[in-house]
Amino acid sequence: MGNYYTPFSLRVTEELLAKIKVIAVRNKRSANKEMEYALERYVEAFEERHGDIQIDGDDL
């Protein structure tokens, strides 16, 4: 994986976004980076329980 970030739209409630923004400020991150961090932790936890997720060109 390179440094290119694929644009992705995510719909969340205003309340959830507001809470994410509070967490992001406390962690000195943007809301986008906070969500990226949370998703990375989610994938890591999934892989710890179920094994590594293998990605090939067709999965992207």
PDB file of N, CA and C in Angstrom:
ATOM      1  N   MET A   1       0.834  -1.189   0.000  1.00  0.00           N
ATOM      2  CA  MET A   1       0.000   0.000   0.000  1.00  0.00           C
ATOM      3  C   MET A   1       0.877   1.251   0.000  1.00  0.00           C
ATOM      4  N   GLY A   2       0.488   2.195  -0.813  1.00  0.00           N
ATOM      5  CA  GLY A   2       1.230   3.438  -0.880  1.00  0.00           C
ATOM      6  C   GLY A   2       0.640   4.478   0.057  1.00  0.00           C
ATOM      7  N   ASN A   3       1.008   5.704  -0.181  1.00  0.00           N
ATOM      8  CA  ASN A   3       0.514   6.798   0.643  1.00  0.00           C
ATOM      9  C   ASN A   3      -0.736   7.436   0.075  1.00  0.00           C
ATOM     10  N   TYR A   4      -1.271   6.897  -1.010  1.00  0.00           N
ATOM     11  CA  TYR A   4      -2.471   7.446  -1.610  1.00  0.00           C
ATOM     12  C   TYR A   4      -3.689   7.027  -0.785  1.00  0.00           C
ATOM     13  N   TYR A   5      -4.523   7.978  -0.477  1.00  0.00           N
ATOM     14  CA  TYR A   5      -5.738   7.706   0.287  1.00  0.00           C
ATOM     15  C   TYR A   5      -6.937   7.808  -0.626  1.00  0.00           C
ATOM     16  N   THR A   6      -7.705   6.743  -0.711  1.00  0.00           N
ATOM     17  CA  THR A   6      -8.902   6.734  -1.533  1.00  0.00           C
ATOM     18  C   THR A   6      -9.995   7.529  -0.845  1.00  0.00           C
ATOM     19  N   PRO A   7     -10.590   8.492  -1.543  1.00  0.00           N
ATOM     20  CA  PRO A   7     -11.699   9.243  -0.937  1.00  0.00           C
ATOM     21  C   PRO A   7     -12.858   8.295  -0.617  1.00  0.00           C
ATOM     22  N   PHE A   8     -13.456   8.488   0.544  1.00  0.00           N
ATOM     23  CA  PHE A   8     -14.545   7.617   0.980  1.00  0.00           C
ATOM     24  C   PHE A   8     -15.525   8.446   1.800  1.00  0.00           C
ATOM     25  N   SER A   9     -16.773   8.374   1.432  1.00  0.00           N
ATOM     26  CA  SER A   9     -17.805   9.117   2.140  1.00  0.00           C
ATOM     27  C   SER A   9     -18.427   8.210   3.199  1.00  0.00           C
ATOM     28  N   LEU A  10     -18.635   8.746   4.384  1.00  0.00           N
ATOM     29  CA  LEU A  10     -19.208   7.979   5.484  1.00  0.00           C
ATOM     30  C   LEU A  10     -20.334   8.783   6.107  1.00  0.00           C
ATOM     31  N   ARG A  11     -21.489   8.178   6.215  1.00  0.00           N
ATOM     32  CA  ARG A  11     -22.621   8.856   6.827  1.00  0.00           C
ATOM     33  C   ARG A  11     -22.746   8.423   8.283  1.00  0.00           C
ATOM     34  N   VAL A  12     -22.713   9.393   9.181  1.00  0.00           N
ATOM     35  CA  VAL A  12     -22.891   9.134  10.611  1.00  0.00           C
ATOM     36  C   VAL A  12     -23.825  10.203  11.167  1.00  0.00           C
ATOM     37  N   THR A  13     -24.370   9.930  12.328  1.00  0.00           N
ATOM     38  CA  THR A  13     -25.250  10.916  12.953  1.00  0.00           C
ATOM     39  C   THR A  13     -24.440  12.133  13.393  1.00  0.00           C
ATOM     40  N   GLU A  14     -25.122  13.244  13.523  1.00  0.00           N
ATOM     41  CA  GLU A  14     -24.453  14.457  13.995  1.00  0.00           C
ATOM     42  C   GLU A  14     -23.872  14.243  15.389  1.00  0.00           C
ATOM     43  N   GLU A  15     -24.591  13.520  16.233  1.00  0.00           N
ATOM     44  CA  GLU A  15     -24.114  13.270  17.595  1.00  0.00           C
ATOM     45  C   GLU A  15     -22.826  12.456  17.586  1.00  0.00           C
ATOM     46  N   LEU A  16     -22.784  11.396  16.765  1.00  0.00           N
ATOM     47  CA  LEU A  16     -21.578  10.580  16.691  1.00  0.00           C
ATOM     48  C   LEU A  16     -20.408  11.393  16.166  1.00  0.00           C
ATOM     49  N   LEU A  17     -20.629  12.182  15.133  1.00  0.00           N
ATOM     50  CA  LEU A  17     -19.549  13.009  14.591  1.00  0.00           C
ATOM     51  C   LEU A  17     -19.055  14.013  15.626  1.00  0.00           C
ATOM     52  N   ALA A  18     -19.964  14.605  16.375  1.00  0.00           N
ATOM     53  CA  ALA A  18     -19.566  15.563  17.413  1.00  0.00           C
ATOM     54  C   ALA A  18     -18.696  14.879  18.465  1.00  0.00           C
ATOM     55  N   LYS A  19     -19.050  13.665  18.855  1.00  0.00           N
ATOM     56  CA  LYS A  19     -18.269  12.934  19.841  1.00  0.00           C
ATOM     57  C   LYS A  19     -16.889  12.567  19.294  1.00  0.00           C
ATOM     58  N   ILE A  20     -16.849  12.168  18.021  1.00  0.00           N
ATOM     59  CA  ILE A  20     -15.567  11.854  17.395  1.00  0.00           C
ATOM     60  C   ILE A  20     -14.674  13.087  17.366  1.00  0.00           C
ATOM     61  N   LYS A  21     -15.260  14.239  17.075  1.00  0.00           N
ATOM     62  CA  LYS A  21     -14.485  15.480  17.045  1.00  0.00           C
ATOM     63  C   LYS A  21     -13.914  15.816  18.419  1.00  0.00           C
ATOM     64  N   VAL A  22     -14.668  15.561  19.490  1.00  0.00           N
ATOM     65  CA  VAL A  22     -14.167  15.795  20.849  1.00  0.00           C
ATOM     66  C   VAL A  22     -12.982  14.878  21.122  1.00  0.00           C
ATOM     67  N   ILE A  23     -13.125  13.605  20.775  1.00  0.00           N
ATOM     68  CA  ILE A  23     -12.037  12.645  20.974  1.00  0.00           C
ATOM     69  C   ILE A  23     -10.821  13.061  20.157  1.00  0.00           C
ATOM     70  N   ALA A  24     -11.047  13.485  18.927  1.00  0.00           N
ATOM     71  CA  ALA A  24      -9.954  13.890  18.045  1.00  0.00           C
ATOM     72  C   ALA A  24      -9.175  15.066  18.636  1.00  0.00           C
ATOM     73  N   VAL A  25      -9.869  16.049  19.154  1.00  0.00           N
ATOM     74  CA  VAL A  25      -9.198  17.204  19.763  1.00  0.00           C
ATOM     75  C   VAL A  25      -8.350  16.751  20.937  1.00  0.00           C
ATOM     76  N   ARG A  26      -8.895  15.868  21.764  1.00  0.00           N
ATOM     77  CA  ARG A  26      -8.143  15.381  22.925  1.00  0.00           C
ATOM     78  C   ARG A  26      -6.903  14.600  22.506  1.00  0.00           C
ATOM     79  N   ASN A  27      -6.966  13.951  21.343  1.00  0.00           N
ATOM     80  CA  ASN A  27      -5.829  13.174  20.847  1.00  0.00           C
ATOM     81  C   ASN A  27      -4.965  13.949  19.852  1.00  0.00           C
ATOM     82  N   LYS A  28      -5.270  15.247  19.700  1.00  0.00           N
ATOM     83  CA  LYS A  28      -4.522  16.119  18.793  1.00  0.00           C
ATOM     84  C   LYS A  28      -4.507  15.574  17.362  1.00  0.00           C
ATOM     85  N   ARG A  29      -5.682  15.144  16.896  1.00  0.00           N
ATOM     86  CA  ARG A  29      -5.862  14.649  15.537  1.00  0.00           C
ATOM     87  C   ARG A  29      -7.040  15.369  14.891  1.00  0.00           C
ATOM     88  N   SER A  30      -7.097  15.290  13.578  1.00  0.00           N
ATOM     89  CA  SER A  30      -8.299  15.738  12.878  1.00  0.00           C
ATOM     90  C   SER A  30      -9.371  14.662  13.069  1.00  0.00           C
ATOM     91  N   ALA A  31     -10.608  15.017  12.821  1.00  0.00           N
ATOM     92  CA  ALA A  31     -11.692  14.028  12.919  1.00  0.00           C
ATOM     93  C   ALA A  31     -11.441  12.894  11.928  1.00  0.00           C
ATOM     94  N   ASN A  32     -10.963  13.220  10.731  1.00  0.00           N
ATOM     95  CA  ASN A  32     -10.671  12.205   9.728  1.00  0.00           C
ATOM     96  C   ASN A  32      -9.608  11.226  10.229  1.00  0.00           C
ATOM     97  N   LYS A  33      -8.523  11.750  10.786  1.00  0.00           N
ATOM     98  CA  LYS A  33      -7.452  10.883  11.286  1.00  0.00           C
ATOM     99  C   LYS A  33      -7.916  10.066  12.486  1.00  0.00           C
ATOM    100  N   GLU A  34      -8.805  10.634  13.302  1.00  0.00           N
ATOM    101  CA  GLU A  34      -9.340   9.890  14.450  1.00  0.00           C
ATOM    102  C   GLU A  34     -10.158   8.702  13.968  1.00  0.00           C
ATOM    103  N   MET A  35     -10.969   8.907  12.938  1.00  0.00           N
ATOM    104  CA  MET A  35     -11.764   7.805  12.389  1.00  0.00           C
ATOM    105  C   MET A  35     -10.864   6.764  11.729  1.00  0.00           C
ATOM    106  N   GLU A  36      -9.815   7.222  11.049  1.00  0.00           N
ATOM    107  CA  GLU A  36      -8.864   6.296  10.445  1.00  0.00           C
ATOM    108  C   GLU A  36      -8.197   5.451  11.530  1.00  0.00           C
ATOM    109  N   TYR A  37      -7.786   6.093  12.613  1.00  0.00           N
ATOM    110  CA  TYR A  37      -7.159   5.389  13.737  1.00  0.00           C
ATOM    111  C   TYR A  37      -8.128   4.354  14.323  1.00  0.00           C
ATOM    112  N   ALA A  38      -9.380   4.759  14.532  1.00  0.00           N
ATOM    113  CA  ALA A  38     -10.372   3.844  15.106  1.00  0.00           C
ATOM    114  C   ALA A  38     -10.604   2.644  14.183  1.00  0.00           C
ATOM    115  N   LEU A  39     -10.663   2.881  12.887  1.00  0.00           N
ATOM    116  CA  LEU A  39     -10.857   1.782  11.946  1.00  0.00           C
ATOM    117  C   LEU A  39      -9.654   0.844  11.920  1.00  0.00           C
ATOM    118  N   GLU A  40      -8.460   1.408  12.006  1.00  0.00           N
ATOM    119  CA  GLU A  40      -7.259   0.566  12.060  1.00  0.00           C
ATOM    120  C   GLU A  40      -7.288  -0.333  13.294  1.00  0.00           C
ATOM    121  N   ARG A  41      -7.670   0.212  14.445  1.00  0.00           N
ATOM    122  CA  ARG A  41      -7.756  -0.596  15.667  1.00  0.00           C
ATOM    123  C   ARG A  41      -8.830  -1.681  15.510  1.00  0.00           C
ATOM    124  N   TYR A  42      -9.937  -1.343  14.866  1.00  0.00           N
ATOM    125  CA  TYR A  42     -11.018  -2.303  14.647  1.00  0.00           C
ATOM    126  C   TYR A  42     -10.529  -3.483  13.798  1.00  0.00           C
ATOM    127  N   VAL A  43      -9.822  -3.171  12.709  1.00  0.00           N
ATOM    128  CA  VAL A  43      -9.300  -4.228  11.833  1.00  0.00           C
ATOM    129  C   VAL A  43      -8.267  -5.071  12.576  1.00  0.00           C
ATOM    130  N   GLU A  44      -7.390  -4.436  13.344  1.00  0.00           N
ATOM    131  CA  GLU A  44      -6.400  -5.181  14.115  1.00  0.00           C
ATOM    132  C   GLU A  44      -7.065  -6.141  15.099  1.00  0.00           C
ATOM    133  N   ALA A  45      -8.105  -5.680  15.789  1.00  0.00           N
ATOM    134  CA  ALA A  45      -8.815  -6.533  16.741  1.00  0.00           C
ATOM    135  C   ALA A  45      -9.490  -7.698  16.018  1.00  0.00           C
ATOM    136  N   PHE A  46     -10.079  -7.432  14.864  1.00  0.00           N
ATOM    137  CA  PHE A  46     -10.711  -8.493  14.071  1.00  0.00           C
ATOM    138  C   PHE A  46      -9.682  -9.541  13.671  1.00  0.00           C
ATOM    139  N   GLU A  47      -8.526  -9.061  13.192  1.00  0.00           N
ATOM    140  CA  GLU A  47      -7.487  -9.994  12.752  1.00  0.00           C
ATOM    141  C   GLU A  47      -6.906 -10.790  13.910  1.00  0.00           C
ATOM    142  N   GLU A  48      -6.845 -10.215  15.087  1.00  0.00           N
ATOM    143  CA  GLU A  48      -6.374 -10.972  16.251  1.00  0.00           C
ATOM    144  C   GLU A  48      -7.314 -12.133  16.562  1.00  0.00           C
ATOM    145  N   ARG A  49      -8.607 -11.924  16.375  1.00  0.00           N
ATOM    146  CA  ARG A  49      -9.595 -12.972  16.655  1.00  0.00           C
ATOM    147  C   ARG A  49      -9.723 -13.982  15.523  1.00  0.00           C
ATOM    148  N   HIS A  50      -9.578 -13.510  14.271  1.00  0.00           N
ATOM    149  CA  HIS A  50      -9.915 -14.352  13.117  1.00  0.00           C
ATOM    150  C   HIS A  50      -8.751 -14.623  12.177  1.00  0.00           C
ATOM    151  N   GLY A  51      -7.592 -14.070  12.439  1.00  0.00           N
ATOM    152  CA  GLY A  51      -6.447 -14.247  11.552  1.00  0.00           C
ATOM    153  C   GLY A  51      -6.347 -13.098  10.553  1.00  0.00           C
ATOM    154  N   ASP A  52      -5.178 -13.020   9.927  1.00  0.00           N
ATOM    155  CA  ASP A  52      -4.921 -11.938   8.980  1.00  0.00           C
ATOM    156  C   ASP A  52      -5.898 -11.963   7.813  1.00  0.00           C
ATOM    157  N   ILE A  53      -6.289 -10.806   7.378  1.00  0.00           N
ATOM    158  CA  ILE A  53      -7.133 -10.653   6.200  1.00  0.00           C
ATOM    159  C   ILE A  53      -6.203 -10.542   5.004  1.00  0.00           C
ATOM    160  N   GLN A  54      -6.340 -11.432   4.062  1.00  0.00           N
ATOM    161  CA  GLN A  54      -5.517 -11.421   2.868  1.00  0.00           C
ATOM    162  C   GLN A  54      -6.226 -10.606   1.779  1.00  0.00           C
ATOM    163  N   ILE A  55      -5.499  -9.658   1.214  1.00  0.00           N
ATOM    164  CA  ILE A  55      -6.043  -8.795   0.169  1.00  0.00           C
ATOM    165  C   ILE A  55      -5.307  -9.071  -1.128  1.00  0.00           C
ATOM    166  N   ASP A  56      -6.077  -9.311  -2.197  1.00  0.00           N
ATOM    167  CA  ASP A  56      -5.439  -9.399  -3.506  1.00  0.00           C
ATOM    168  C   ASP A  56      -6.016  -8.290  -4.384  1.00  0.00           C
ATOM    169  N   GLY A  57      -5.538  -8.163  -5.566  1.00  0.00           N
ATOM    170  CA  GLY A  57      -5.945  -7.078  -6.457  1.00  0.00           C
ATOM    171  C   GLY A  57      -7.442  -7.007  -6.702  1.00  0.00           C
ATOM    172  N   ASP A  58      -8.133  -8.164  -6.685  1.00  0.00           N
ATOM    173  CA  ASP A  58      -9.568  -8.184  -6.931  1.00  0.00           C
ATOM    174  C   ASP A  58     -10.388  -7.632  -5.784  1.00  0.00           C
ATOM    175  N   ASP A  59      -9.782  -7.577  -4.574  1.00  0.00           N
ATOM    176  CA  ASP A  59     -10.501  -7.119  -3.397  1.00  0.00           C
ATOM    177  C   ASP A  59     -10.502  -5.589  -3.268  1.00  0.00           C
ATOM    178  N   LEU A  60      -9.682  -4.910  -4.032  1.00  0.00           N
ATOM    179  CA  LEU A  60      -9.551  -3.465  -3.897  1.00  0.00           C
ATOM    180  C   LEU A  60     -10.550  -2.727  -4.741  1.00  0.00           C
TER     181      LEU A  60
END
